[in-house]
Amino acid sequence: MTYETSPLLCASYDKDAKEKWKPEPGIPGAGSSFAPAVEAYKSLLYCVHQDLTVDGSSTLWWSRTGDTPIDWTPDEAVLDADGRAVPCVDSPALTHANDYLYCVNHRSTANSYLWWSRYNTEGEETGWRNWQPVEDKEHSIVRSTNPAALTVYDGLVYCVHDDENGELKWITYDTHARAWGEDSPIPGGIHSDKVLAIERYKGLLYCLHDGEDDCLYWITYDSSTGEWSQDQLVVDFVDRPVQGARALAVSRANDALYCAYYKGPDAGPGTLHWLKYNSDYENPWSTEQSIPVGRAYPGLDSAPYFGLIHLVYRG
């Protein structure tokens, strides 16, 4: 589904404030039809996202913070190592590992190939390198119907995505060997259609996704055993499921996982909500609460930065 372009607005979460969430200045000139990707990297906060050029081409754009945590640079097109604009459709994914910022995205609606690149601010590979297809260890191109999710866990970049049937798969990238591993199904034939996010937390990889019953689910992966957990329903401490999430962002901060998500029509407008997870508690999920930023549209991401959780969303 293609959405209209909406401006990228910002909010921040402060666990010690009376009003936990507050609006922040948006990214100057930035807009997107899909979710942005946000990541802290080398003392700055980066946001990459899809947008349209003046000739109507769908490409990758980016901004980063400047002198203060909420002072974003003007939005500009991402250019690869040869100075070319980077085709991008749908939502990109972003993470950082071993001195680089990694990005995975779709480039075309004509096929479901995933493409990737990495960025550095210094050294021999300053800037973005040219985008390449994500290829598994057998040199087969990795495909995904919906946007992929990225994070770093146990020394590897993890990419979780779906296949043509909507079932979840996973593949890792070794930053030292500079090679992708095996693209494998997550056991259980787990289906995801709209919502997918991954993050490491207390020695495990967490994956949150939607189910066919329109509820939010979670699974974990333990690299020490090489096993995925069974799929579980996200329920708050009084056993209520989270229903109707259409977009999701997950961040690790303050010894917990913070999940922000959009609820409403597929094309918007709707509202933003959040809950958090702390594995130290018998009932680890908190209650669902609203994020008081007014109306929003599907598409958001978050990252911890300067002691706060920073959220970028389509508003």
C-alpha atoms as a PDB file:
ATOM      1  CA  MET A   1       0.000   0.000   0.000  1.00  0.00           C
ATOM      2  CA  THR A   2       1.287   3.490  -0.899  1.00  0.00           C
ATOM      3  CA  TYR A   3       0.607   6.330   1.495  1.00  0.00           C
ATOM      4  CA  GLU A   4       0.687  10.072   0.990  1.00  0.00           C
ATOM      5  CA  THR A   5       3.839  11.857   2.078  1.00  0.00           C
ATOM      6  CA  SER A   6       3.642  13.108   5.677  1.00  0.00           C
ATOM      7  CA  PRO A   7       6.150  15.289   7.557  1.00  0.00           C
ATOM      8  CA  LEU A   8       8.509  13.594   9.997  1.00  0.00           C
ATOM      9  CA  LEU A   9       7.808  14.829  13.514  1.00  0.00           C
ATOM     10  CA  CYS A  10       9.600  14.034  16.775  1.00  0.00           C
ATOM     11  CA  ALA A  11       8.902  13.307  20.422  1.00  0.00           C
ATOM     12  CA  SER A  12      11.053  12.217  23.361  1.00  0.00           C
ATOM     13  CA  TYR A  13      10.542  10.058  26.445  1.00  0.00           C
ATOM     14  CA  ASP A  14      12.035  10.934  29.821  1.00  0.00           C
ATOM     15  CA  LYS A  15      11.399   8.343  32.530  1.00  0.00           C
ATOM     16  CA  ASP A  16      12.055  10.896  35.284  1.00  0.00           C
ATOM     17  CA  ALA A  17       9.677  13.581  34.004  1.00  0.00           C
ATOM     18  CA  LYS A  18       6.118  13.950  35.244  1.00  0.00           C
ATOM     19  CA  GLU A  19       4.896  14.045  31.663  1.00  0.00           C
ATOM     20  CA  LYS A  20       6.894  11.160  30.200  1.00  0.00           C
ATOM     21  CA  TRP A  21       6.449  12.037  26.518  1.00  0.00           C
ATOM     22  CA  LYS A  22       6.789  15.487  25.025  1.00  0.00           C
ATOM     23  CA  PRO A  23       6.848  16.802  21.442  1.00  0.00           C
ATOM     24  CA  GLU A  24      10.180  17.949  19.975  1.00  0.00           C
ATOM     25  CA  PRO A  25      10.994  19.939  16.817  1.00  0.00           C
ATOM     26  CA  GLY A  26      10.559  17.852  13.667  1.00  0.00           C
ATOM     27  CA  ILE A  27      13.168  17.218  10.982  1.00  0.00           C
ATOM     28  CA  PRO A  28      13.363  20.295   8.669  1.00  0.00           C
ATOM     29  CA  GLY A  29      11.958  19.569   5.231  1.00  0.00           C
ATOM     30  CA  ALA A  30      11.646  15.838   5.861  1.00  0.00           C
ATOM     31  CA  GLY A  31       8.656  13.809   4.746  1.00  0.00           C
ATOM     32  CA  SER A  32       7.961  10.200   3.894  1.00  0.00           C
ATOM     33  CA  SER A  33       5.244   7.866   2.703  1.00  0.00           C
ATOM     34  CA  PHE A  34       6.605   5.110   4.963  1.00  0.00           C
ATOM     35  CA  ALA A  35       8.281   4.588   8.335  1.00  0.00           C
ATOM     36  CA  PRO A  36      11.662   6.220   8.988  1.00  0.00           C
ATOM     37  CA  ALA A  37      14.635   4.389  10.530  1.00  0.00           C
ATOM     38  CA  VAL A  38      16.438   5.989  13.491  1.00  0.00           C
ATOM     39  CA  GLU A  39      19.768   5.056  15.084  1.00  0.00           C
ATOM     40  CA  ALA A  40      22.382   6.669  17.345  1.00  0.00           C
ATOM     41  CA  TYR A  41      25.858   6.522  15.791  1.00  0.00           C
ATOM     42  CA  LYS A  42      29.102   8.243  16.839  1.00  0.00           C
ATOM     43  CA  SER A  43      27.415  10.710  19.216  1.00  0.00           C
ATOM     44  CA  LEU A  44      24.771  11.774  16.691  1.00  0.00           C
ATOM     45  CA  LEU A  45      21.250  10.606  15.984  1.00  0.00           C
ATOM     46  CA  TYR A  46      20.580   9.582  12.371  1.00  0.00           C
ATOM     47  CA  CYS A  47      17.285   9.248  10.529  1.00  0.00           C
ATOM     48  CA  VAL A  48      17.004   7.681   7.071  1.00  0.00           C
ATOM     49  CA  HIS A  49      13.731   7.450   5.202  1.00  0.00           C
ATOM     50  CA  GLN A  50      12.024   7.202   1.840  1.00  0.00           C
ATOM     51  CA  ASP A  51      10.923  10.366   0.059  1.00  0.00           C
ATOM     52  CA  LEU A  52      10.349  11.674  -3.459  1.00  0.00           C
ATOM     53  CA  THR A  53      12.712  13.804  -5.552  1.00  0.00           C
ATOM     54  CA  VAL A  54      11.489  16.759  -7.608  1.00  0.00           C
ATOM     55  CA  ASP A  55      11.073  14.466 -10.622  1.00  0.00           C
ATOM     56  CA  GLY A  56       8.953  12.024  -8.601  1.00  0.00           C
ATOM     57  CA  SER A  57      11.608   9.322  -8.058  1.00  0.00           C
ATOM     58  CA  SER A  58      11.358   7.402  -4.791  1.00  0.00           C
ATOM     59  CA  THR A  59      14.773   7.593  -3.112  1.00  0.00           C
ATOM     60  CA  LEU A  60      16.517   7.420   0.265  1.00  0.00           C
ATOM     61  CA  TRP A  61      16.932  10.617   2.308  1.00  0.00           C
ATOM     62  CA  TRP A  62      18.578  11.364   5.632  1.00  0.00           C
ATOM     63  CA  SER A  63      19.166  13.841   8.433  1.00  0.00           C
ATOM     64  CA  ARG A  64      21.202  13.846  11.640  1.00  0.00           C
ATOM     65  CA  THR A  65      21.317  15.848  14.823  1.00  0.00           C
ATOM     66  CA  GLY A  66      23.701  18.755  15.177  1.00  0.00           C
ATOM     67  CA  ASP A  67      24.828  20.734  18.208  1.00  0.00           C
ATOM     68  CA  THR A  68      21.962  19.580  20.427  1.00  0.00           C
ATOM     69  CA  PRO A  69      19.993  16.298  20.614  1.00  0.00           C
ATOM     70  CA  ILE A  70      16.971  17.930  18.950  1.00  0.00           C
ATOM     71  CA  ASP A  71      18.744  20.160  16.410  1.00  0.00           C
ATOM     72  CA  TRP A  72      18.314  18.211  13.145  1.00  0.00           C
ATOM     73  CA  THR A  73      20.179  19.095   9.957  1.00  0.00           C
ATOM     74  CA  PRO A  74      18.057  19.886   6.888  1.00  0.00           C
ATOM     75  CA  ASP A  75      16.884  16.779   5.068  1.00  0.00           C
ATOM     76  CA  GLU A  76      18.941  15.742   2.020  1.00  0.00           C
ATOM     77  CA  ALA A  77      19.210  12.853  -0.419  1.00  0.00           C
ATOM     78  CA  VAL A  78      21.521   9.947   0.439  1.00  0.00           C
ATOM     79  CA  LEU A  79      24.262   9.572  -2.186  1.00  0.00           C
ATOM     80  CA  ASP A  80      26.275   6.389  -2.711  1.00  0.00           C
ATOM     81  CA  ALA A  81      30.041   6.182  -3.287  1.00  0.00           C
ATOM     82  CA  ASP A  82      29.581   7.213  -6.942  1.00  0.00           C
ATOM     83  CA  GLY A  83      27.460  10.222  -6.049  1.00  0.00           C
ATOM     84  CA  ARG A  84      24.179   8.642  -7.163  1.00  0.00           C
ATOM     85  CA  ALA A  85      20.809   8.933  -5.446  1.00  0.00           C
ATOM     86  CA  VAL A  86      19.706   5.637  -3.870  1.00  0.00           C
ATOM     87  CA  PRO A  87      16.360   4.154  -4.965  1.00  0.00           C
ATOM     88  CA  CYS A  88      14.151   3.306  -2.000  1.00  0.00           C
ATOM     89  CA  VAL A  89      10.573   2.141  -1.647  1.00  0.00           C
ATOM     90  CA  ASP A  90       8.871   1.366   1.645  1.00  0.00           C
ATOM     91  CA  SER A  91      10.619   1.592   5.030  1.00  0.00           C
ATOM     92  CA  PRO A  92      14.414   1.202   5.426  1.00  0.00           C
ATOM     93  CA  ALA A  93      16.087  -0.481   8.418  1.00  0.00           C
ATOM     94  CA  LEU A  94      19.119   0.888  10.252  1.00  0.00           C
ATOM     95  CA  THR A  95      21.624  -0.262  12.877  1.00  0.00           C
ATOM     96  CA  HIS A  96      25.265   0.359  13.795  1.00  0.00           C
ATOM     97  CA  ALA A  97      28.062  -2.147  14.331  1.00  0.00           C
ATOM     98  CA  ASN A  98      31.855  -1.991  14.573  1.00  0.00           C
ATOM     99  CA  ASP A  99      32.230   1.646  13.534  1.00  0.00           C
ATOM    100  CA  TYR A 100      29.697   1.501  10.676  1.00  0.00           C
ATOM    101  CA  LEU A 101      26.061   2.400  10.165  1.00  0.00           C
ATOM    102  CA  TYR A 102      24.220  -0.370   8.262  1.00  0.00           C
ATOM    103  CA  CYS A 103      21.124   0.140   6.122  1.00  0.00           C
ATOM    104  CA  VAL A 104      18.844  -2.433   4.442  1.00  0.00           C
ATOM    105  CA  ASN A 105      15.983  -1.431   2.155  1.00  0.00           C
ATOM    106  CA  HIS A 106      13.906  -2.260  -0.894  1.00  0.00           C
ATOM    107  CA  ARG A 107      14.794  -0.368  -4.067  1.00  0.00           C
ATOM    108  CA  SER A 108      11.906  -1.206  -6.372  1.00  0.00           C
ATOM    109  CA  THR A 109       8.327  -2.418  -6.443  1.00  0.00           C
ATOM    110  CA  ALA A 110       9.267  -4.620  -9.415  1.00  0.00           C
ATOM    111  CA  ASN A 111      10.876  -7.254  -7.139  1.00  0.00           C
ATOM    112  CA  SER A 112      11.252  -8.073  -3.456  1.00  0.00           C
ATOM    113  CA  TYR A 113      15.074  -8.035  -3.315  1.00  0.00           C
ATOM    114  CA  LEU A 114      16.683  -6.605  -0.180  1.00  0.00           C
ATOM    115  CA  TRP A 115      19.653  -4.277  -0.715  1.00  0.00           C
ATOM    116  CA  TRP A 116      22.223  -3.054   1.782  1.00  0.00           C
ATOM    117  CA  SER A 117      25.030  -0.594   2.348  1.00  0.00           C
ATOM    118  CA  ARG A 118      27.089   0.810   5.185  1.00  0.00           C
ATOM    119  CA  TYR A 119      28.296   4.279   6.143  1.00  0.00           C
ATOM    120  CA  ASN A 120      31.340   5.603   7.973  1.00  0.00           C
ATOM    121  CA  THR A 121      32.438   9.115   8.851  1.00  0.00           C
ATOM    122  CA  GLU A 122      36.152   8.401   8.592  1.00  0.00           C
ATOM    123  CA  GLY A 123      38.801   6.036   7.221  1.00  0.00           C
ATOM    124  CA  GLU A 124      39.039   4.378   3.824  1.00  0.00           C
ATOM    125  CA  GLU A 125      35.274   4.001   3.421  1.00  0.00           C
ATOM    126  CA  THR A 126      34.124   7.501   4.324  1.00  0.00           C
ATOM    127  CA  GLY A 127      30.512   8.031   3.269  1.00  0.00           C
ATOM    128  CA  TRP A 128      28.075   5.445   1.939  1.00  0.00           C
ATOM    129  CA  ARG A 129      29.382   2.558  -0.120  1.00  0.00           C
ATOM    130  CA  ASN A 130      27.458   1.471  -3.209  1.00  0.00           C
ATOM    131  CA  TRP A 131      24.335  -0.578  -2.472  1.00  0.00           C
ATOM    132  CA  GLN A 132      24.439  -4.330  -3.103  1.00  0.00           C
ATOM    133  CA  PRO A 133      21.786  -7.052  -2.970  1.00  0.00           C
ATOM    134  CA  VAL A 134      21.708  -8.981   0.304  1.00  0.00           C
ATOM    135  CA  GLU A 135      23.094 -12.400  -0.702  1.00  0.00           C
ATOM    136  CA  ASP A 136      23.163 -15.417   1.589  1.00  0.00           C
ATOM    137  CA  LYS A 137      26.191 -17.706   1.911  1.00  0.00           C
ATOM    138  CA  GLU A 138      25.033 -19.609  -1.182  1.00  0.00           C
ATOM    139  CA  HIS A 139      24.995 -16.301  -3.121  1.00  0.00           C
ATOM    140  CA  SER A 140      21.223 -16.325  -3.488  1.00  0.00           C
ATOM    141  CA  ILE A 141      19.522 -12.928  -3.266  1.00  0.00           C
ATOM    142  CA  VAL A 142      17.427 -12.525  -0.120  1.00  0.00           C
ATOM    143  CA  ARG A 143      13.827 -11.476  -0.752  1.00  0.00           C
ATOM    144  CA  SER A 144      11.254  -9.966   1.580  1.00  0.00           C
ATOM    145  CA  THR A 145       7.676  -8.950   0.902  1.00  0.00           C
ATOM    146  CA  ASN A 146       7.605  -6.398   3.736  1.00  0.00           C
ATOM    147  CA  PRO A 147      10.358  -4.180   5.209  1.00  0.00           C
ATOM    148  CA  ALA A 148      13.141  -5.932   7.128  1.00  0.00           C
ATOM    149  CA  ALA A 149      14.252  -5.228  10.716  1.00  0.00           C
ATOM    150  CA  LEU A 150      17.899  -4.842  11.839  1.00  0.00           C
ATOM    151  CA  THR A 151      19.824  -4.887  15.096  1.00  0.00           C
ATOM    152  CA  VAL A 152      23.166  -6.036  16.492  1.00  0.00           C
ATOM    153  CA  TYR A 153      23.278  -9.033  18.812  1.00  0.00           C
ATOM    154  CA  ASP A 154      26.206 -11.142  20.046  1.00  0.00           C
ATOM    155  CA  GLY A 155      28.680  -9.623  17.587  1.00  0.00           C
ATOM    156  CA  LEU A 156      26.592 -10.012  14.431  1.00  0.00           C
ATOM    157  CA  VAL A 157      24.125  -7.878  12.515  1.00  0.00           C
ATOM    158  CA  TYR A 158      20.745  -9.630  12.584  1.00  0.00           C
ATOM    159  CA  CYS A 159      18.189  -9.112   9.840  1.00  0.00           C
ATOM    160  CA  VAL A 160      14.672 -10.490  10.306  1.00  0.00           C
ATOM    161  CA  HIS A 161      12.309 -10.367   7.347  1.00  0.00           C
ATOM    162  CA  ASP A 162       9.424 -12.266   5.804  1.00  0.00           C
ATOM    163  CA  ASP A 163       9.202 -14.444   2.714  1.00  0.00           C
ATOM    164  CA  GLU A 164       6.692 -14.371  -0.130  1.00  0.00           C
ATOM    165  CA  ASN A 165       4.195 -16.185   2.120  1.00  0.00           C
ATOM    166  CA  GLY A 166       4.549 -13.688   4.967  1.00  0.00           C
ATOM    167  CA  GLU A 167       6.456 -16.107   7.231  1.00  0.00           C
ATOM    168  CA  LEU A 168       9.452 -14.836   9.208  1.00  0.00           C
ATOM    169  CA  LYS A 169      13.060 -15.650   8.292  1.00  0.00           C
ATOM    170  CA  TRP A 170      16.408 -14.496   9.640  1.00  0.00           C
ATOM    171  CA  ILE A 171      19.935 -13.966   8.381  1.00  0.00           C
ATOM    172  CA  THR A 172      23.084 -12.569  10.008  1.00  0.00           C
ATOM    173  CA  TYR A 173      25.984 -10.497   8.733  1.00  0.00           C
ATOM    174  CA  ASP A 174      29.531 -11.000  10.053  1.00  0.00           C
ATOM    175  CA  THR A 175      31.166  -7.576  10.044  1.00  0.00           C
ATOM    176  CA  HIS A 176      34.687  -9.052  10.227  1.00  0.00           C
ATOM    177  CA  ALA A 177      34.245 -11.649   7.479  1.00  0.00           C
ATOM    178  CA  ARG A 178      32.077  -9.153   5.569  1.00  0.00           C
ATOM    179  CA  ALA A 179      29.654 -11.891   4.580  1.00  0.00           C
ATOM    180  CA  TRP A 180      25.999 -12.789   5.084  1.00  0.00           C
ATOM    181  CA  GLY A 181      25.168 -16.187   6.519  1.00  0.00           C
ATOM    182  CA  GLU A 182      22.316 -18.610   5.903  1.00  0.00           C
ATOM    183  CA  ASP A 183      18.826 -17.238   5.295  1.00  0.00           C
ATOM    184  CA  SER A 184      16.664 -19.503   7.459  1.00  0.00           C
ATOM    185  CA  PRO A 185      12.982 -19.709   8.451  1.00  0.00           C
ATOM    186  CA  ILE A 186      12.195 -18.939  12.076  1.00  0.00           C
ATOM    187  CA  PRO A 187      10.729 -22.209  13.425  1.00  0.00           C
ATOM    188  CA  GLY A 188       6.982 -22.486  13.720  1.00  0.00           C
ATOM    189  CA  GLY A 189       5.912 -20.869  10.460  1.00  0.00           C
ATOM    190  CA  ILE A 190       5.423 -17.503  12.187  1.00  0.00           C
ATOM    191  CA  HIS A 191       3.426 -15.046  10.111  1.00  0.00           C
ATOM    192  CA  SER A 192       3.859 -11.260  10.056  1.00  0.00           C
ATOM    193  CA  ASP A 193       2.081  -8.766   7.852  1.00  0.00           C
ATOM    194  CA  LYS A 194       2.287  -5.192   9.165  1.00  0.00           C
ATOM    195  CA  VAL A 195       4.457  -5.041  12.292  1.00  0.00           C
ATOM    196  CA  LEU A 196       8.055  -6.217  12.775  1.00  0.00           C
ATOM    197  CA  ALA A 197      10.801  -4.979  15.116  1.00  0.00           C
ATOM    198  CA  ILE A 198      13.854  -6.570  16.735  1.00  0.00           C
ATOM    199  CA  GLU A 199      16.167  -5.542  19.574  1.00  0.00           C
ATOM    200  CA  ARG A 200      18.664  -7.189  21.914  1.00  0.00           C
ATOM    201  CA  TYR A 201      17.881  -7.214  25.623  1.00  0.00           C
ATOM    202  CA  LYS A 202      19.502  -9.008  28.575  1.00  0.00           C
ATOM    203  CA  GLY A 203      21.337 -11.628  26.538  1.00  0.00           C
ATOM    204  CA  LEU A 204      18.520 -12.435  24.093  1.00  0.00           C
ATOM    205  CA  LEU A 205      17.278 -11.192  20.748  1.00  0.00           C
ATOM    206  CA  TYR A 206      13.652 -10.049  20.923  1.00  0.00           C
ATOM    207  CA  CYS A 207      11.357 -10.000  17.895  1.00  0.00           C
ATOM    208  CA  LEU A 208       7.912  -8.394  18.040  1.00  0.00           C
ATOM    209  CA  HIS A 209       5.405  -8.923  15.245  1.00  0.00           C
ATOM    210  CA  ASP A 210       1.712  -8.944  14.457  1.00  0.00           C
ATOM    211  CA  GLY A 211      -0.333 -12.125  14.188  1.00  0.00           C
ATOM    212  CA  GLU A 212      -3.202 -13.173  11.974  1.00  0.00           C
ATOM    213  CA  ASP A 213      -5.607 -12.310  14.825  1.00  0.00           C
ATOM    214  CA  ASP A 214      -4.449  -8.633  14.705  1.00  0.00           C
ATOM    215  CA  CYS A 215      -2.687  -8.962  18.066  1.00  0.00           C
ATOM    216  CA  LEU A 216       0.951  -8.291  18.928  1.00  0.00           C
ATOM    217  CA  TYR A 217       3.277 -11.273  19.556  1.00  0.00           C
ATOM    218  CA  TRP A 218       6.887 -11.783  20.649  1.00  0.00           C
ATOM    219  CA  ILE A 219       9.599 -14.394  20.321  1.00  0.00           C
ATOM    220  CA  THR A 220      13.204 -14.543  21.494  1.00  0.00           C
ATOM    221  CA  TYR A 221      16.420 -16.047  20.174  1.00  0.00           C
ATOM    222  CA  ASP A 222      19.279 -17.291  22.371  1.00  0.00           C
ATOM    223  CA  SER A 223      22.623 -17.357  20.540  1.00  0.00           C
ATOM    224  CA  SER A 224      24.150 -19.559  23.251  1.00  0.00           C
ATOM    225  CA  THR A 225      21.744 -22.393  22.403  1.00  0.00           C
ATOM    226  CA  GLY A 226      20.898 -21.448  18.814  1.00  0.00           C
ATOM    227  CA  GLU A 227      17.166 -21.763  19.571  1.00  0.00           C
ATOM    228  CA  TRP A 228      14.115 -19.580  19.086  1.00  0.00           C
ATOM    229  CA  SER A 229      11.404 -19.534  21.734  1.00  0.00           C
ATOM    230  CA  GLN A 230       7.791 -20.317  21.062  1.00  0.00           C
ATOM    231  CA  ASP A 231       5.641 -17.467  19.800  1.00  0.00           C
ATOM    232  CA  GLN A 232       3.800 -15.685  22.635  1.00  0.00           C
ATOM    233  CA  LEU A 233       0.994 -13.170  22.821  1.00  0.00           C
ATOM    234  CA  VAL A 234       1.918  -9.744  24.228  1.00  0.00           C
ATOM    235  CA  VAL A 235      -0.397  -9.241  27.209  1.00  0.00           C
ATOM    236  CA  ASP A 236      -0.225  -6.558  29.873  1.00  0.00           C
ATOM    237  CA  PHE A 237      -0.101  -7.326  33.592  1.00  0.00           C
ATOM    238  CA  VAL A 238      -3.878  -7.866  33.693  1.00  0.00           C
ATOM    239  CA  ASP A 239      -3.826 -10.218  30.686  1.00  0.00           C
ATOM    240  CA  ARG A 240      -5.109  -7.825  28.029  1.00  0.00           C
ATOM    241  CA  PRO A 241      -3.623  -8.323  24.541  1.00  0.00           C
ATOM    242  CA  VAL A 242      -2.294  -5.460  22.426  1.00  0.00           C
ATOM    243  CA  GLN A 243      -4.571  -5.263  19.410  1.00  0.00           C
ATOM    244  CA  GLY A 244      -4.595  -3.206  16.234  1.00  0.00           C
ATOM    245  CA  ALA A 245      -0.950  -2.091  16.045  1.00  0.00           C
ATOM    246  CA  ARG A 246      -0.133  -1.031  12.474  1.00  0.00           C
ATOM    247  CA  ALA A 247       3.452   0.163  12.958  1.00  0.00           C
ATOM    248  CA  LEU A 248       6.004  -0.479  15.699  1.00  0.00           C
ATOM    249  CA  ALA A 249       9.259   0.854  17.135  1.00  0.00           C
ATOM    250  CA  VAL A 250      11.268  -0.877  19.890  1.00  0.00           C
ATOM    251  CA  SER A 251      14.144   0.608  21.912  1.00  0.00           C
ATOM    252  CA  ARG A 252      16.248  -0.721  24.779  1.00  0.00           C
ATOM    253  CA  ALA A 253      16.714   1.816  27.588  1.00  0.00           C
ATOM    254  CA  ASN A 254      16.542   2.103  31.392  1.00  0.00           C
ATOM    255  CA  ASP A 255      16.823  -1.685  31.806  1.00  0.00           C
ATOM    256  CA  ALA A 256      13.642  -2.248  29.780  1.00  0.00           C
ATOM    257  CA  LEU A 257      12.292  -2.520  26.253  1.00  0.00           C
ATOM    258  CA  TYR A 258      10.077   0.370  25.174  1.00  0.00           C
ATOM    259  CA  CYS A 259       7.532  -0.296  22.435  1.00  0.00           C
ATOM    260  CA  ALA A 260       5.808   2.571  20.638  1.00  0.00           C
ATOM    261  CA  TYR A 261       3.201   1.852  18.002  1.00  0.00           C
ATOM    262  CA  TYR A 262       0.522   3.359  15.778  1.00  0.00           C
ATOM    263  CA  LYS A 263      -3.139   2.362  16.003  1.00  0.00           C
ATOM    264  CA  GLY A 264      -5.774   3.427  13.539  1.00  0.00           C
ATOM    265  CA  PRO A 265      -6.660   3.113   9.835  1.00  0.00           C
ATOM    266  CA  ASP A 266      -3.994   1.607   7.564  1.00  0.00           C
ATOM    267  CA  ALA A 267      -3.466   4.970   5.857  1.00  0.00           C
ATOM    268  CA  GLY A 268      -4.181   7.155   8.921  1.00  0.00           C
ATOM    269  CA  PRO A 269      -4.736   9.309  10.756  1.00  0.00           C
ATOM    270  CA  GLY A 270      -4.617   7.505  14.074  1.00  0.00           C
ATOM    271  CA  THR A 271      -2.862   7.722  17.438  1.00  0.00           C
ATOM    272  CA  LEU A 272       0.402   6.600  19.042  1.00  0.00           C
ATOM    273  CA  HIS A 273       0.656   4.344  22.099  1.00  0.00           C
ATOM    274  CA  TRP A 274       3.380   2.694  24.146  1.00  0.00           C
ATOM    275  CA  LEU A 275       4.161   0.039  26.701  1.00  0.00           C
ATOM    276  CA  LYS A 276       7.342  -1.379  28.157  1.00  0.00           C
ATOM    277  CA  TYR A 277       8.772  -4.795  28.988  1.00  0.00           C
ATOM    278  CA  ASN A 278      10.949  -5.696  31.969  1.00  0.00           C
ATOM    279  CA  SER A 279      11.905  -9.341  32.355  1.00  0.00           C
ATOM    280  CA  ASP A 280      12.550  -8.907  36.098  1.00  0.00           C
ATOM    281  CA  TYR A 281       8.812  -8.892  36.766  1.00  0.00           C
ATOM    282  CA  GLU A 282       6.444 -11.854  36.878  1.00  0.00           C
ATOM    283  CA  ASN A 283       4.123  -9.963  34.521  1.00  0.00           C
ATOM    284  CA  PRO A 284       6.740  -8.219  32.384  1.00  0.00           C
ATOM    285  CA  TRP A 285       4.542  -6.095  30.090  1.00  0.00           C
ATOM    286  CA  SER A 286       3.128  -2.810  31.388  1.00  0.00           C
ATOM    287  CA  THR A 287      -0.267  -1.386  30.530  1.00  0.00           C
ATOM    288  CA  GLU A 288      -0.854   0.331  27.218  1.00  0.00           C
ATOM    289  CA  GLN A 289      -0.729   4.133  27.397  1.00  0.00           C
ATOM    290  CA  SER A 290      -1.187   6.882  24.838  1.00  0.00           C
ATOM    291  CA  ILE A 291       1.601   9.138  23.544  1.00  0.00           C
ATOM    292  CA  PRO A 292       0.133  12.666  23.664  1.00  0.00           C
ATOM    293  CA  VAL A 293       1.380  14.054  20.342  1.00  0.00           C
ATOM    294  CA  GLY A 294      -1.916  14.433  18.515  1.00  0.00           C
ATOM    295  CA  ARG A 295      -2.766  12.633  15.313  1.00  0.00           C
ATOM    296  CA  ALA A 296      -0.212  10.468  13.557  1.00  0.00           C
ATOM    297  CA  TYR A 297       0.100   8.283  10.483  1.00  0.00           C
ATOM    298  CA  PRO A 298       1.514   4.751  10.108  1.00  0.00           C
ATOM    299  CA  GLY A 299       5.301   4.736  10.299  1.00  0.00           C
ATOM    300  CA  LEU A 300       7.657   5.409  13.221  1.00  0.00           C
ATOM    301  CA  ASP A 301      10.989   4.457  14.740  1.00  0.00           C
ATOM    302  CA  SER A 302      12.879   5.224  17.939  1.00  0.00           C
ATOM    303  CA  ALA A 303      16.349   5.129  19.457  1.00  0.00           C
ATOM    304  CA  PRO A 304      17.908   5.927  22.854  1.00  0.00           C
ATOM    305  CA  TYR A 305      20.094   9.043  22.705  1.00  0.00           C
ATOM    306  CA  PHE A 306      21.457  11.427  25.388  1.00  0.00           C
ATOM    307  CA  GLY A 307      19.489   9.698  28.140  1.00  0.00           C
ATOM    308  CA  LEU A 308      16.126   9.919  26.376  1.00  0.00           C
ATOM    309  CA  ILE A 309      14.220   7.803  23.900  1.00  0.00           C
ATOM    310  CA  HIS A 310      13.760   9.776  20.700  1.00  0.00           C
ATOM    311  CA  LEU A 311      10.813   8.935  18.503  1.00  0.00           C
ATOM    312  CA  VAL A 312      10.433   9.982  14.849  1.00  0.00           C
ATOM    313  CA  TYR A 313       6.981   9.468  13.371  1.00  0.00           C
ATOM    314  CA  ARG A 314       4.805  10.483  10.442  1.00  0.00           C
ATOM    315  CA  GLY A 315       2.501  13.248  11.556  1.00  0.00           C
END
